[in-house]
C-alpha cells in the first residue's frame, strides 16, 4: 500500500493519507493542499506501526 504526505503552500505537512480518495476529500473540505508526495517505504512502515495515517488528519 502506498501512503501519501500532503503539504501546504509553505511546505508544512498538513496530512498523511492512505488513498488518493482521502486527498480529494481533504481538498473538497478546503484544505490548502499544494503538493502530494508518495511516502518512501521506511516512512510508510512508521505509519503502519503507529496506527492509521488518518490519525494524523485532525479533520477526520
N, C-alpha and C. Protein backbone atom coordinates (compact mmCIF):
# COMPACT_ATOMS: atom_id res chain seq x y z
N UNK A 1 0.84 -1.18 0.00
CA UNK A 1 0.00 0.00 0.00
C UNK A 1 0.89 1.25 0.00
N UNK A 2 0.48 2.22 -0.76
CA UNK A 2 1.21 3.48 -0.83
C UNK A 2 0.54 4.50 0.07
N UNK A 3 1.32 5.15 0.91
CA UNK A 3 0.83 6.24 1.75
C UNK A 3 1.28 7.55 1.15
N UNK A 4 0.54 8.61 1.40
CA UNK A 4 0.83 9.91 0.82
C UNK A 4 0.96 10.97 1.90
N UNK A 5 1.87 11.91 1.69
CA UNK A 5 2.02 13.06 2.57
C UNK A 5 1.57 14.29 1.80
N UNK A 6 0.70 15.10 2.41
CA UNK A 6 0.19 16.32 1.78
C UNK A 6 0.84 17.53 2.43
N UNK A 7 1.26 18.47 1.60
CA UNK A 7 1.94 19.67 2.07
C UNK A 7 1.13 20.90 1.69
N UNK A 8 1.24 21.95 2.53
CA UNK A 8 0.59 23.22 2.20
C UNK A 8 1.53 24.05 1.35
N UNK A 9 1.14 25.28 1.07
CA UNK A 9 1.92 26.15 0.18
C UNK A 9 3.25 26.60 0.80
N UNK A 10 3.40 26.44 2.10
CA UNK A 10 4.65 26.81 2.77
C UNK A 10 5.56 25.60 2.98
N UNK A 11 5.12 24.42 2.53
CA UNK A 11 5.92 23.22 2.66
C UNK A 11 5.72 22.46 3.96
N UNK A 12 4.71 22.84 4.75
CA UNK A 12 4.43 22.15 6.00
C UNK A 12 3.54 20.93 5.74
N UNK A 13 3.77 19.86 6.49
CA UNK A 13 2.93 18.67 6.38
C UNK A 13 1.58 18.98 7.01
N UNK A 14 0.51 18.76 6.25
CA UNK A 14 -0.82 19.02 6.80
C UNK A 14 -1.65 17.75 6.92
N UNK A 15 -1.23 16.67 6.25
CA UNK A 15 -1.99 15.41 6.36
C UNK A 15 -1.16 14.26 5.81
N UNK A 16 -1.48 13.08 6.31
CA UNK A 16 -0.95 11.84 5.75
C UNK A 16 -2.16 10.98 5.42
N UNK A 17 -2.20 10.49 4.19
CA UNK A 17 -3.38 9.76 3.72
C UNK A 17 -2.99 8.39 3.19
N UNK A 18 -3.96 7.47 3.25
CA UNK A 18 -3.75 6.13 2.71
C UNK A 18 -4.17 6.02 1.26
N UNK A 19 -5.11 6.84 0.83
CA UNK A 19 -5.62 6.73 -0.54
C UNK A 19 -5.71 8.12 -1.17
N UNK A 20 -5.76 8.11 -2.50
CA UNK A 20 -5.95 9.37 -3.22
C UNK A 20 -7.35 9.93 -2.99
N UNK A 21 -8.31 9.04 -2.68
CA UNK A 21 -9.66 9.49 -2.38
C UNK A 21 -9.68 10.34 -1.12
N UNK A 22 -8.89 9.96 -0.11
CA UNK A 22 -8.80 10.77 1.11
C UNK A 22 -8.24 12.15 0.80
N UNK A 23 -7.29 12.22 -0.11
CA UNK A 23 -6.71 13.51 -0.50
C UNK A 23 -7.79 14.38 -1.15
N UNK A 24 -8.60 13.78 -2.02
CA UNK A 24 -9.67 14.53 -2.68
C UNK A 24 -10.69 15.04 -1.67
N UNK A 25 -11.00 14.24 -0.65
CA UNK A 25 -11.93 14.68 0.39
C UNK A 25 -11.36 15.90 1.10
N UNK A 26 -10.09 15.86 1.45
CA UNK A 26 -9.47 17.00 2.14
C UNK A 26 -9.50 18.25 1.26
N UNK A 27 -9.25 18.08 -0.03
CA UNK A 27 -9.31 19.23 -0.95
C UNK A 27 -10.72 19.82 -0.98
N UNK A 28 -11.74 18.95 -1.05
CA UNK A 28 -13.12 19.44 -1.06
C UNK A 28 -13.48 20.13 0.25
N UNK A 29 -12.82 19.72 1.34
CA UNK A 29 -13.07 20.35 2.64
C UNK A 29 -12.37 21.71 2.74
N UNK A 30 -11.56 22.04 1.73
CA UNK A 30 -10.90 23.33 1.71
C UNK A 30 -9.48 23.35 2.25
N UNK A 31 -8.91 22.17 2.50
CA UNK A 31 -7.53 22.14 2.98
C UNK A 31 -6.61 22.64 1.87
N UNK A 32 -5.64 23.48 2.19
CA UNK A 32 -4.76 24.08 1.17
C UNK A 32 -3.64 23.12 0.75
N UNK A 33 -4.00 22.05 0.06
CA UNK A 33 -3.01 21.07 -0.36
C UNK A 33 -2.33 21.55 -1.63
N UNK A 34 -1.04 21.87 -1.51
CA UNK A 34 -0.28 22.38 -2.64
C UNK A 34 0.51 21.27 -3.32
N UNK A 35 0.92 20.26 -2.54
CA UNK A 35 1.75 19.19 -3.10
C UNK A 35 1.46 17.89 -2.36
N UNK A 36 1.46 16.80 -3.11
CA UNK A 36 1.26 15.47 -2.54
C UNK A 36 2.46 14.62 -2.94
N UNK A 37 3.04 13.93 -1.97
CA UNK A 37 4.21 13.10 -2.24
C UNK A 37 3.96 11.70 -1.69
N UNK A 38 4.24 10.69 -2.51
CA UNK A 38 4.16 9.32 -2.02
C UNK A 38 5.26 9.11 -1.00
N UNK A 39 4.93 8.46 0.10
CA UNK A 39 5.91 8.22 1.15
C UNK A 39 6.84 7.08 0.74
N UNK A 40 8.08 7.16 1.19
CA UNK A 40 9.03 6.08 0.97
C UNK A 40 8.61 4.90 1.85
N UNK A 41 9.09 3.72 1.51
CA UNK A 41 8.72 2.51 2.26
C UNK A 41 9.02 2.66 3.74
N UNK A 42 10.17 3.21 4.10
CA UNK A 42 10.52 3.32 5.52
C UNK A 42 9.62 4.32 6.26
N UNK A 43 9.11 5.33 5.56
CA UNK A 43 8.16 6.25 6.17
C UNK A 43 6.81 5.58 6.37
N UNK A 44 6.39 4.81 5.38
CA UNK A 44 5.09 4.14 5.45
C UNK A 44 5.08 3.09 6.55
N UNK A 45 6.21 2.44 6.80
CA UNK A 45 6.29 1.45 7.87
C UNK A 45 6.02 2.11 9.21
N UNK A 46 6.55 3.30 9.42
CA UNK A 46 6.31 4.02 10.67
C UNK A 46 4.82 4.28 10.83
N UNK A 47 4.12 4.66 9.76
CA UNK A 47 2.67 4.87 9.83
C UNK A 47 1.97 3.58 10.21
N UNK A 48 2.40 2.48 9.63
CA UNK A 48 1.78 1.19 9.94
C UNK A 48 1.98 0.82 11.40
N UNK A 49 3.13 1.14 11.96
CA UNK A 49 3.41 0.78 13.34
C UNK A 49 2.69 1.68 14.34
N UNK A 50 2.48 2.94 13.96
CA UNK A 50 1.89 3.89 14.91
C UNK A 50 0.38 3.99 14.77
N UNK A 51 -0.18 3.37 13.77
CA UNK A 51 -1.62 3.42 13.56
C UNK A 51 -1.94 3.93 12.18
N UNK A 52 -3.15 4.27 11.97
CA UNK A 52 -3.61 4.73 10.67
C UNK A 52 -3.11 6.14 10.38
N UNK A 53 -2.74 6.40 9.12
CA UNK A 53 -2.38 7.77 8.76
C UNK A 53 -3.52 8.76 9.01
N UNK A 54 -4.75 8.27 9.06
CA UNK A 54 -5.89 9.15 9.34
C UNK A 54 -5.77 9.78 10.72
N UNK A 55 -5.01 9.14 11.61
CA UNK A 55 -4.80 9.72 12.94
C UNK A 55 -4.04 11.04 12.88
N UNK A 56 -3.31 11.24 11.78
CA UNK A 56 -2.57 12.49 11.60
C UNK A 56 -3.47 13.59 11.06
N UNK A 57 -4.63 13.21 10.51
CA UNK A 57 -5.55 14.18 9.92
C UNK A 57 -6.52 14.64 10.99
N UNK A 58 -6.38 15.83 11.47
CA UNK A 58 -7.21 16.32 12.55
C UNK A 58 -8.65 16.56 12.13
N UNK A 59 -8.90 16.62 10.82
CA UNK A 59 -10.26 16.87 10.33
C UNK A 59 -11.12 15.62 10.34
N UNK A 60 -10.53 14.45 10.49
CA UNK A 60 -11.30 13.19 10.49
C UNK A 60 -11.74 12.86 11.88
